Every structure is written in C-alpha cells, then in structure tokens.
Amino acid sequence: MEQDGRVLRARIARGRHGTLDGDALPQLAEALATLDPESVGAVLLVSDGDSFCTGGDVRAFAGAEDRHAFVGDLATAFHGFLRAVVACPVPVVAAVTGWAAGAGMSVVCAVDVAVGGRGTRLRPAYPGIGFSPDGGMTWTLPRIVGAGRARHILLTDRVLDAQSALDLGILATVVEDGEVRAEAEHTAHRLAQGPTVALGRIKRLLGSSPDLPLTEQLDAEAASIAASAAGPEGTEGLAAFTEKRPPSFH
C-alpha cells in the first residue's frame, strides 16, 4: 500500500499472472476499515503483473494437506477484504488489466468503478477447477447483470471480453490496454477531490437499495440529502453554484 495525495493505492495480487496475495488481505482489509476520509478520498486497487488478478494459487490448493481448511481460511480472509471494500466510506476504483478471473472477477464486481482495457477478459473460473464461487460473486453478479445472465455466466464459466463486460455494466469504462492504469489513476484522483462525505453517502444508499422497500429507501435518501445540505460540503457546493465558480471540497 502507498498513499499518493488523497488516493490510497493497494496491490491485491502478485506476480506476472496476478495471483491473489492471500498474505496481504488482512492488512488491506484493516487499512480500508480504518482509513480516514479526511486524508483519503479514494482507493485504487492494482496488480503488479500483466493481469489484475487471476484468483488464488491453484497449485497451493492442490498441494494442501487439508484442502477444506486451507481454502476455507483463504476464503475467510478474502471475504474480510471484500467486506472492507464494500463498507469503505470512499469510492474504490480498480485498474483491471489483462485477466480478472476467479477471485479477481469477484473483486471487479464488488468495487465502485472498474476500468478495463480492450484486451481485458473476465471469467468466473471456479467451475474450471471444480469449485463454487466465493468473494460474493453469486450476490454481486446477479445484481449487476440480472439473475438469468448471472446463471449463464457462472454455470457455463463464460469468458467475457471487455466490450461484453462494459455492455453488462461490470466494467465502467474501457480504454486502450496501455492506458488502463493511467485512466484508473485519473478516475481515483478525480473522485478523491470530490465531496467525500456525499460520495460515501451515495455508496451506502446504493448498497442498501436492493434490499429495502422503496418507501424506506426514500426515507434514507431524505435523511441523507438533508444531512448533506447542512454539512460543509453542501455549504461549499451551494456557495460555488451561486457564485458561479467550481466548488473546492478539499
């Protein structure tokens, strides 16, 4: 992890193929859970390899003496990280280079904004090794693409090219392969300079909306917008609007 201005950059995978870094997951989860929105306005997830993340170390799975315990422990650590991503009070952006498979695709489905390249490919990958998914993919994917499409993608282990993932809403934007990291960096920095508290409220409202009746969601929206209007960001936003100038939230 490293902080660049108001952006916290976090590496989730290691090696050229983007193997999920299981040892780093608890540290990343702790960092996301304890970050201070006063100093961090966005999180950027990256890999140091050619691919964003191709899932766990399958050779380690095969060689584990107690596979049940080994895979279960990794899933628990992974889920702690995913919970932190979803609960993070600031936007989380992913630079999805190359492949996002297995756990990598689960991460892409969980972040707020995923930037891919023309050559980006997504694949559930779990059925290919006789596994069922983890990382919340059976919860997030149906909410993004619909239940029927999710069933087809997961059961057939479908490979999604960048355009298909964009059309389905899994990727937020697609650029040339060599521009993925720069575009994701730009997006994260732009979000980090925005109204951090308001963006956090938007995340919470979007997170609650699938499971709340409309009347309760309307109540939550009313409470949230009223709090925003009375807070420093709302004050600055309204002042900037009336004074015909760009707002300065930080």
C-alpha atoms as a PDB file:
ATOM      1  CA  MET A   1       0.000   0.000   0.000  1.00  0.00           C
ATOM      2  CA  GLU A   2       1.051   3.562  -0.629  1.00  0.00           C
ATOM      3  CA  GLN A   3      -0.705   6.902  -0.430  1.00  0.00           C
ATOM      4  CA  ASP A   4      -0.495   9.350  -3.323  1.00  0.00           C
ATOM      5  CA  GLY A   5      -2.159  12.596  -2.310  1.00  0.00           C
ATOM      6  CA  ARG A   6      -5.697  11.674  -1.324  1.00  0.00           C
ATOM      7  CA  VAL A   7      -5.559   8.302  -3.114  1.00  0.00           C
ATOM      8  CA  LEU A   8      -4.629   5.079  -1.299  1.00  0.00           C
ATOM      9  CA  ARG A   9      -3.129   2.645  -3.789  1.00  0.00           C
ATOM     10  CA  ALA A  10      -3.360  -1.022  -2.800  1.00  0.00           C
ATOM     11  CA  ARG A  11      -1.895  -4.071  -4.549  1.00  0.00           C
ATOM     12  CA  ILE A  12      -4.150  -7.113  -4.323  1.00  0.00           C
ATOM     13  CA  ALA A  13      -2.232  -9.586  -6.498  1.00  0.00           C
ATOM     14  CA  ARG A  14       1.395 -10.504  -7.014  1.00  0.00           C
ATOM     15  CA  GLY A  15       3.489 -11.923  -9.827  1.00  0.00           C
ATOM     16  CA  ARG A  16       3.149 -11.621 -13.583  1.00  0.00           C
ATOM     17  CA  HIS A  17      -0.085 -13.622 -13.651  1.00  0.00           C
ATOM     18  CA  GLY A  18      -1.744 -11.670 -10.839  1.00  0.00           C
ATOM     19  CA  THR A  19      -2.127 -14.351  -8.161  1.00  0.00           C
ATOM     20  CA  LEU A  20      -4.283 -13.194  -5.250  1.00  0.00           C
ATOM     21  CA  ASP A  21      -1.983 -12.117  -2.413  1.00  0.00           C
ATOM     22  CA  GLY A  22      -3.553 -14.003   0.480  1.00  0.00           C
ATOM     23  CA  ASP A  23      -0.958 -12.781   2.976  1.00  0.00           C
ATOM     24  CA  ALA A  24      -1.801  -9.153   2.227  1.00  0.00           C
ATOM     25  CA  LEU A  25      -5.583  -9.487   2.506  1.00  0.00           C
ATOM     26  CA  PRO A  26      -5.868  -8.918   6.292  1.00  0.00           C
ATOM     27  CA  GLN A  27      -3.597  -5.873   6.039  1.00  0.00           C
ATOM     28  CA  LEU A  28      -5.614  -4.445   3.164  1.00  0.00           C
ATOM     29  CA  ALA A  29      -8.880  -5.079   4.994  1.00  0.00           C
ATOM     30  CA  GLU A  30      -7.557  -3.315   8.096  1.00  0.00           C
ATOM     31  CA  ALA A  31      -6.344  -0.348   6.040  1.00  0.00           C
ATOM     32  CA  LEU A  32      -9.706   0.081   4.317  1.00  0.00           C
ATOM     33  CA  ALA A  33     -11.649  -0.340   7.560  1.00  0.00           C
ATOM     34  CA  THR A  34      -9.604   2.281   9.400  1.00  0.00           C
ATOM     35  CA  LEU A  35      -8.853   4.838   6.687  1.00  0.00           C
ATOM     36  CA  ASP A  36      -9.622   8.460   7.475  1.00  0.00           C
ATOM     37  CA  PRO A  37     -11.832  10.155   4.830  1.00  0.00           C
ATOM     38  CA  GLU A  38     -10.259  13.449   5.875  1.00  0.00           C
ATOM     39  CA  SER A  39      -6.968  12.330   4.304  1.00  0.00           C
ATOM     40  CA  VAL A  40      -8.049   9.579   1.860  1.00  0.00           C
ATOM     41  CA  GLY A  41     -10.720  10.333  -0.723  1.00  0.00           C
ATOM     42  CA  ALA A  42     -10.467   7.222  -2.917  1.00  0.00           C
ATOM     43  CA  VAL A  43      -8.854   3.784  -3.040  1.00  0.00           C
ATOM     44  CA  LEU A  44      -7.190   2.365  -6.154  1.00  0.00           C
ATOM     45  CA  LEU A  45      -6.747  -1.412  -6.470  1.00  0.00           C
ATOM     46  CA  VAL A  46      -3.921  -2.555  -8.733  1.00  0.00           C
ATOM     47  CA  SER A  47      -1.717  -5.549  -9.524  1.00  0.00           C
ATOM     48  CA  ASP A  48       1.987  -5.548 -10.214  1.00  0.00           C
ATOM     49  CA  GLY A  49       1.684  -8.082 -13.038  1.00  0.00           C
ATOM     50  CA  ASP A  50       0.207  -8.285 -16.517  1.00  0.00           C
ATOM     51  CA  SER A  51      -3.187  -9.307 -15.133  1.00  0.00           C
ATOM     52  CA  PHE A  52      -5.305  -7.650 -12.464  1.00  0.00           C
ATOM     53  CA  CYS A  53      -5.975 -10.892 -10.578  1.00  0.00           C
ATOM     54  CA  THR A  54      -6.379 -14.474 -11.750  1.00  0.00           C
ATOM     55  CA  GLY A  55      -7.552 -15.820  -8.399  1.00  0.00           C
ATOM     56  CA  GLY A  56      -5.876 -17.907  -5.733  1.00  0.00           C
ATOM     57  CA  ASP A  57      -2.805 -20.086  -6.086  1.00  0.00           C
ATOM     58  CA  VAL A  58      -4.305 -23.255  -7.563  1.00  0.00           C
ATOM     59  CA  ARG A  59      -1.069 -25.212  -7.093  1.00  0.00           C
ATOM     60  CA  ALA A  60      -1.192 -24.366  -3.398  1.00  0.00           C
ATOM     61  CA  PHE A  61      -4.805 -25.583  -3.289  1.00  0.00           C
ATOM     62  CA  ALA A  62      -3.781 -28.878  -4.883  1.00  0.00           C
ATOM     63  CA  GLY A  63      -0.813 -29.355  -2.564  1.00  0.00           C
ATOM     64  CA  ALA A  64      -2.554 -28.512   0.710  1.00  0.00           C
ATOM     65  CA  GLU A  65      -2.746 -31.382   3.194  1.00  0.00           C
ATOM     66  CA  ASP A  66      -6.149 -30.219   4.428  1.00  0.00           C
ATOM     67  CA  ARG A  67      -7.792 -28.587   1.421  1.00  0.00           C
ATOM     68  CA  HIS A  68     -11.005 -27.902   3.299  1.00  0.00           C
ATOM     69  CA  ALA A  69      -9.207 -25.858   5.945  1.00  0.00           C
ATOM     70  CA  PHE A  70      -6.732 -24.249   3.528  1.00  0.00           C
ATOM     71  CA  VAL A  71      -9.325 -22.984   1.038  1.00  0.00           C
ATOM     72  CA  GLY A  72     -11.792 -22.123   3.806  1.00  0.00           C
ATOM     73  CA  ASP A  73      -9.205 -19.976   5.600  1.00  0.00           C
ATOM     74  CA  LEU A  74      -8.287 -18.155   2.393  1.00  0.00           C
ATOM     75  CA  ALA A  75     -11.959 -17.540   1.596  1.00  0.00           C
ATOM     76  CA  THR A  76     -12.477 -16.118   5.088  1.00  0.00           C
ATOM     77  CA  ALA A  77      -9.542 -13.720   4.653  1.00  0.00           C
ATOM     78  CA  PHE A  78     -10.722 -12.807   1.164  1.00  0.00           C
ATOM     79  CA  HIS A  79     -14.217 -12.118   2.431  1.00  0.00           C
ATOM     80  CA  GLY A  80     -12.852  -9.876   5.162  1.00  0.00           C
ATOM     81  CA  PHE A  81     -11.187  -7.835   2.436  1.00  0.00           C
ATOM     82  CA  LEU A  82     -14.350  -7.784   0.276  1.00  0.00           C
ATOM     83  CA  ARG A  83     -16.452  -6.627   3.222  1.00  0.00           C
ATOM     84  CA  ALA A  84     -13.977  -3.786   3.741  1.00  0.00           C
ATOM     85  CA  VAL A  85     -14.199  -2.820   0.056  1.00  0.00           C
ATOM     86  CA  VAL A  86     -17.991  -2.652   0.181  1.00  0.00           C
ATOM     87  CA  ALA A  87     -18.079  -0.822   3.527  1.00  0.00           C
ATOM     88  CA  CYS A  88     -15.253   1.571   2.607  1.00  0.00           C
ATOM     89  CA  PRO A  89     -16.502   5.154   3.134  1.00  0.00           C
ATOM     90  CA  VAL A  90     -14.787   6.385  -0.054  1.00  0.00           C
ATOM     91  CA  PRO A  91     -15.020   5.168  -3.673  1.00  0.00           C
ATOM     92  CA  VAL A  92     -12.935   2.128  -4.625  1.00  0.00           C
ATOM     93  CA  VAL A  93     -11.550   2.026  -8.182  1.00  0.00           C
ATOM     94  CA  ALA A  94      -9.927  -0.985  -9.883  1.00  0.00           C
ATOM     95  CA  ALA A  95      -7.377  -0.896 -12.709  1.00  0.00           C
ATOM     96  CA  VAL A  96      -8.397  -4.121 -14.478  1.00  0.00           C
ATOM     97  CA  THR A  97      -5.500  -5.013 -16.747  1.00  0.00           C
ATOM     98  CA  GLY A  98      -5.361  -8.362 -18.540  1.00  0.00           C
ATOM     99  CA  TRP A  99      -7.347 -11.105 -16.860  1.00  0.00           C
ATOM    100  CA  ALA A 100      -9.734 -10.826 -13.914  1.00  0.00           C
ATOM    101  CA  ALA A 101     -10.625 -14.429 -13.152  1.00  0.00           C
ATOM    102  CA  GLY A 102     -12.000 -16.216 -10.111  1.00  0.00           C
ATOM    103  CA  ALA A 103     -11.376 -14.010  -7.098  1.00  0.00           C
ATOM    104  CA  GLY A 104     -10.267 -11.256  -9.487  1.00  0.00           C
ATOM    105  CA  MET A 105     -13.675 -11.170 -11.128  1.00  0.00           C
ATOM    106  CA  SER A 106     -15.297 -11.159  -7.681  1.00  0.00           C
ATOM    107  CA  VAL A 107     -13.287  -8.049  -6.801  1.00  0.00           C
ATOM    108  CA  VAL A 108     -14.286  -6.338 -10.054  1.00  0.00           C
ATOM    109  CA  CYS A 109     -17.948  -7.000  -9.267  1.00  0.00           C
ATOM    110  CA  ALA A 110     -17.549  -5.527  -5.760  1.00  0.00           C
ATOM    111  CA  VAL A 111     -15.715  -2.248  -6.474  1.00  0.00           C
ATOM    112  CA  ASP A 112     -17.400   1.043  -7.285  1.00  0.00           C
ATOM    113  CA  VAL A 113     -15.639   1.781 -10.583  1.00  0.00           C
ATOM    114  CA  ALA A 114     -13.752  -0.769 -12.699  1.00  0.00           C
ATOM    115  CA  VAL A 115     -11.569   0.472 -15.562  1.00  0.00           C
ATOM    116  CA  GLY A 116     -10.631  -2.107 -18.187  1.00  0.00           C
ATOM    117  CA  GLY A 117      -8.661  -2.277 -21.432  1.00  0.00           C
ATOM    118  CA  ARG A 118      -9.584  -3.552 -24.880  1.00  0.00           C
ATOM    119  CA  GLY A 119      -7.813  -6.796 -24.065  1.00  0.00           C
ATOM    120  CA  THR A 120      -9.290  -7.233 -20.595  1.00  0.00           C
ATOM    121  CA  ARG A 121     -11.000 -10.570 -20.042  1.00  0.00           C
ATOM    122  CA  LEU A 122     -13.206 -11.707 -17.163  1.00  0.00           C
ATOM    123  CA  ARG A 123     -14.026 -15.286 -16.247  1.00  0.00           C
ATOM    124  CA  PRO A 124     -15.644 -16.896 -13.184  1.00  0.00           C
ATOM    125  CA  ALA A 125     -13.062 -19.721 -13.445  1.00  0.00           C
ATOM    126  CA  TYR A 126     -14.348 -21.566 -10.370  1.00  0.00           C
ATOM    127  CA  PRO A 127     -16.131 -24.355 -12.322  1.00  0.00           C
ATOM    128  CA  GLY A 128     -12.911 -24.963 -14.257  1.00  0.00           C
ATOM    129  CA  ILE A 129     -11.304 -26.381 -11.112  1.00  0.00           C
ATOM    130  CA  GLY A 130     -14.473 -27.916  -9.709  1.00  0.00           C
ATOM    131  CA  PHE A 131     -15.146 -25.099  -7.222  1.00  0.00           C
ATOM    132  CA  SER A 132     -18.172 -22.974  -6.462  1.00  0.00           C
ATOM    133  CA  PRO A 133     -17.587 -19.190  -6.271  1.00  0.00           C
ATOM    134  CA  ASP A 134     -16.526 -17.053  -3.339  1.00  0.00           C
ATOM    135  CA  GLY A 135     -15.945 -13.327  -2.980  1.00  0.00           C
ATOM    136  CA  GLY A 136     -19.650 -12.578  -3.158  1.00  0.00           C
ATOM    137  CA  MET A 137     -19.894 -13.303  -6.889  1.00  0.00           C
ATOM    138  CA  THR A 138     -23.202 -15.154  -6.507  1.00  0.00           C
ATOM    139  CA  TRP A 139     -24.581 -11.995  -4.794  1.00  0.00           C
ATOM    140  CA  THR A 140     -22.989  -9.155  -6.777  1.00  0.00           C
ATOM    141  CA  LEU A 141     -23.137 -10.573 -10.309  1.00  0.00           C
ATOM    142  CA  PRO A 142     -26.943 -11.137 -10.387  1.00  0.00           C
ATOM    143  CA  ARG A 143     -27.449  -7.583  -9.116  1.00  0.00           C
ATOM    144  CA  ILE A 144     -25.279  -6.205 -11.912  1.00  0.00           C
ATOM    145  CA  VAL A 145     -26.362  -8.309 -14.890  1.00  0.00           C
ATOM    146  CA  GLY A 146     -29.633  -9.902 -13.758  1.00  0.00           C
ATOM    147  CA  ALA A 147     -30.316 -13.394 -12.424  1.00  0.00           C
ATOM    148  CA  GLY A 148     -30.650 -15.114 -15.789  1.00  0.00           C
ATOM    149  CA  ARG A 149     -27.430 -13.746 -17.234  1.00  0.00           C
ATOM    150  CA  ALA A 150     -25.593 -14.480 -13.981  1.00  0.00           C
ATOM    151  CA  ARG A 151     -26.717 -18.110 -14.086  1.00  0.00           C
ATOM    152  CA  HIS A 152     -25.489 -18.452 -17.662  1.00  0.00           C
ATOM    153  CA  ILE A 153     -22.132 -16.775 -16.967  1.00  0.00           C
ATOM    154  CA  LEU A 154     -21.439 -18.789 -13.812  1.00  0.00           C
ATOM    155  CA  LEU A 155     -22.722 -22.197 -14.912  1.00  0.00           C
ATOM    156  CA  THR A 156     -21.001 -22.103 -18.316  1.00  0.00           C
ATOM    157  CA  ASP A 157     -17.844 -20.431 -16.952  1.00  0.00           C
ATOM    158  CA  ARG A 158     -18.234 -17.865 -19.701  1.00  0.00           C
ATOM    159  CA  VAL A 159     -15.294 -15.699 -20.706  1.00  0.00           C
ATOM    160  CA  LEU A 160     -16.365 -12.071 -21.059  1.00  0.00           C
ATOM    161  CA  ASP A 161     -14.400  -9.786 -23.333  1.00  0.00           C
ATOM    162  CA  ALA A 162     -14.068  -6.117 -22.462  1.00  0.00           C
ATOM    163  CA  GLN A 163     -16.948  -4.945 -24.628  1.00  0.00           C
ATOM    164  CA  SER A 164     -19.319  -7.563 -23.210  1.00  0.00           C
ATOM    165  CA  ALA A 165     -18.304  -6.679 -19.651  1.00  0.00           C
ATOM    166  CA  LEU A 166     -18.858  -2.997 -20.453  1.00  0.00           C
ATOM    167  CA  ASP A 167     -22.261  -3.659 -22.026  1.00  0.00           C
ATOM    168  CA  LEU A 168     -23.301  -5.719 -18.986  1.00  0.00           C
ATOM    169  CA  GLY A 169     -22.202  -2.994 -16.570  1.00  0.00           C
ATOM    170  CA  ILE A 170     -19.401  -4.965 -14.916  1.00  0.00           C
ATOM    171  CA  LEU A 171     -16.758  -2.604 -16.279  1.00  0.00           C
ATOM    172  CA  ALA A 172     -17.467   1.115 -16.011  1.00  0.00           C
ATOM    173  CA  THR A 173     -15.212   2.165 -18.867  1.00  0.00           C
ATOM    174  CA  VAL A 174     -12.819   0.616 -21.371  1.00  0.00           C
ATOM    175  CA  VAL A 175      -9.698   2.275 -22.778  1.00  0.00           C
ATOM    176  CA  GLU A 176      -6.658   1.125 -24.733  1.00  0.00           C
ATOM    177  CA  ASP A 177      -4.690  -1.553 -22.878  1.00  0.00           C
ATOM    178  CA  GLY A 178      -1.719   0.706 -22.243  1.00  0.00           C
ATOM    179  CA  GLU A 179      -3.936   3.389 -20.725  1.00  0.00           C
ATOM    180  CA  VAL A 180      -5.785   1.336 -18.091  1.00  0.00           C
ATOM    181  CA  ARG A 181      -3.582   2.254 -15.146  1.00  0.00           C
ATOM    182  CA  ALA A 182      -3.441   5.943 -16.096  1.00  0.00           C
ATOM    183  CA  GLU A 183      -7.213   6.147 -16.586  1.00  0.00           C
ATOM    184  CA  ALA A 184      -7.868   4.392 -13.279  1.00  0.00           C
ATOM    185  CA  GLU A 185      -5.395   6.720 -11.541  1.00  0.00           C
ATOM    186  CA  HIS A 186      -7.101   9.747 -13.084  1.00  0.00           C
ATOM    187  CA  THR A 187     -10.526   8.482 -12.015  1.00  0.00           C
ATOM    188  CA  ALA A 188      -9.371   7.813  -8.457  1.00  0.00           C
ATOM    189  CA  HIS A 189      -7.735  11.234  -8.102  1.00  0.00           C
ATOM    190  CA  ARG A 190     -10.791  12.983  -9.535  1.00  0.00           C
ATOM    191  CA  LEU A 191     -13.081  11.179  -7.098  1.00  0.00           C
ATOM    192  CA  ALA A 192     -10.676  11.900  -4.235  1.00  0.00           C
ATOM    193  CA  GLN A 193     -11.051  15.617  -4.847  1.00  0.00           C
ATOM    194  CA  GLY A 194     -14.837  15.422  -4.798  1.00  0.00           C
ATOM    195  CA  PRO A 195     -17.294  15.700  -1.899  1.00  0.00           C
ATOM    196  CA  THR A 196     -16.021  12.712   0.096  1.00  0.00           C
ATOM    197  CA  VAL A 197     -18.840  12.614   2.646  1.00  0.00           C
ATOM    198  CA  ALA A 198     -21.516  12.874  -0.049  1.00  0.00           C
ATOM    199  CA  LEU A 199     -19.857  10.142  -2.127  1.00  0.00           C
ATOM    200  CA  GLY A 200     -19.779   7.905   0.932  1.00  0.00           C
ATOM    201  CA  ARG A 201     -23.486   8.520   1.438  1.00  0.00           C
ATOM    202  CA  ILE A 202     -24.136   7.635  -2.209  1.00  0.00           C
ATOM    203  CA  LYS A 203     -22.258   4.338  -1.690  1.00  0.00           C
ATOM    204  CA  ARG A 204     -24.354   3.499   1.362  1.00  0.00           C
ATOM    205  CA  LEU A 205     -27.618   4.344  -0.394  1.00  0.00           C
ATOM    206  CA  LEU A 206     -26.702   2.223  -3.402  1.00  0.00           C
ATOM    207  CA  GLY A 207     -25.696  -0.607  -1.095  1.00  0.00           C
ATOM    208  CA  SER A 208     -28.999  -0.579   0.760  1.00  0.00           C
ATOM    209  CA  SER A 209     -31.296  -0.101  -2.232  1.00  0.00           C
ATOM    210  CA  PRO A 210     -31.549  -3.737  -3.434  1.00  0.00           C
ATOM    211  CA  ASP A 211     -32.870  -4.917  -0.084  1.00  0.00           C
ATOM    212  CA  LEU A 212     -35.082  -2.045   1.082  1.00  0.00           C
ATOM    213  CA  PRO A 213     -38.651  -1.267   0.065  1.00  0.00           C
ATOM    214  CA  LEU A 214     -38.949   1.959  -1.924  1.00  0.00           C
ATOM    215  CA  THR A 215     -40.611   3.792   0.961  1.00  0.00           C
ATOM    216  CA  GLU A 216     -37.686   3.015   3.291  1.00  0.00           C
ATOM    217  CA  GLN A 217     -35.153   3.948   0.636  1.00  0.00           C
ATOM    218  CA  LEU A 218     -36.934   7.277   0.147  1.00  0.00           C
ATOM    219  CA  ASP A 219     -36.697   7.927   3.888  1.00  0.00           C
ATOM    220  CA  ALA A 220     -32.991   7.111   3.813  1.00  0.00           C
ATOM    221  CA  GLU A 221     -32.461   9.434   0.850  1.00  0.00           C
ATOM    222  CA  ALA A 222     -34.326  12.270   2.552  1.00  0.00           C
ATOM    223  CA  ALA A 223     -32.238  11.941   5.707  1.00  0.00           C
ATOM    224  CA  SER A 224     -29.022  11.753   3.678  1.00  0.00           C
ATOM    225  CA  ILE A 225     -29.676  14.757   1.449  1.00  0.00           C
ATOM    226  CA  ALA A 226     -30.747  16.860   4.424  1.00  0.00           C
ATOM    227  CA  ALA A 227     -27.525  15.997   6.247  1.00  0.00           C
ATOM    228  CA  SER A 228     -25.533  16.831   3.120  1.00  0.00           C
ATOM    229  CA  ALA A 229     -27.245  20.192   2.731  1.00  0.00           C
ATOM    230  CA  ALA A 230     -26.435  21.130   6.309  1.00  0.00           C
ATOM    231  CA  GLY A 231     -22.805  19.968   6.164  1.00  0.00           C
ATOM    232  CA  PRO A 232     -19.614  21.695   4.988  1.00  0.00           C
ATOM    233  CA  GLU A 233     -19.672  20.082   1.548  1.00  0.00           C
ATOM    234  CA  GLY A 234     -23.225  21.166   0.871  1.00  0.00           C
ATOM    235  CA  THR A 235     -22.412  24.655   2.082  1.00  0.00           C
ATOM    236  CA  GLU A 236     -19.415  24.878  -0.253  1.00  0.00           C
ATOM    237  CA  GLY A 237     -21.312  23.356  -3.179  1.00  0.00           C
ATOM    238  CA  LEU A 238     -24.193  25.780  -2.856  1.00  0.00           C
ATOM    239  CA  ALA A 239     -21.864  28.749  -2.422  1.00  0.00           C
ATOM    240  CA  ALA A 240     -19.887  27.750  -5.517  1.00  0.00           C
ATOM    241  CA  PHE A 241     -23.083  27.399  -7.531  1.00  0.00           C
ATOM    242  CA  THR A 242     -24.430  30.817  -6.545  1.00  0.00           C
ATOM    243  CA  GLU A 243     -21.017  32.446  -7.042  1.00  0.00           C
ATOM    244  CA  LYS A 244     -20.600  30.721 -10.446  1.00  0.00           C
ATOM    245  CA  ARG A 245     -17.281  29.074  -9.614  1.00  0.00           C
ATOM    246  CA  PRO A 246     -16.037  25.482  -9.329  1.00  0.00           C
ATOM    247  CA  PRO A 247     -16.502  24.017  -5.836  1.00  0.00           C
ATOM    248  CA  SER A 248     -13.442  23.338  -3.695  1.00  0.00           C
ATOM    249  CA  PHE A 249     -14.159  20.460  -1.340  1.00  0.00           C
ATOM    250  CA  HIS A 250     -10.551  19.943  -0.181  1.00  0.00           C
END
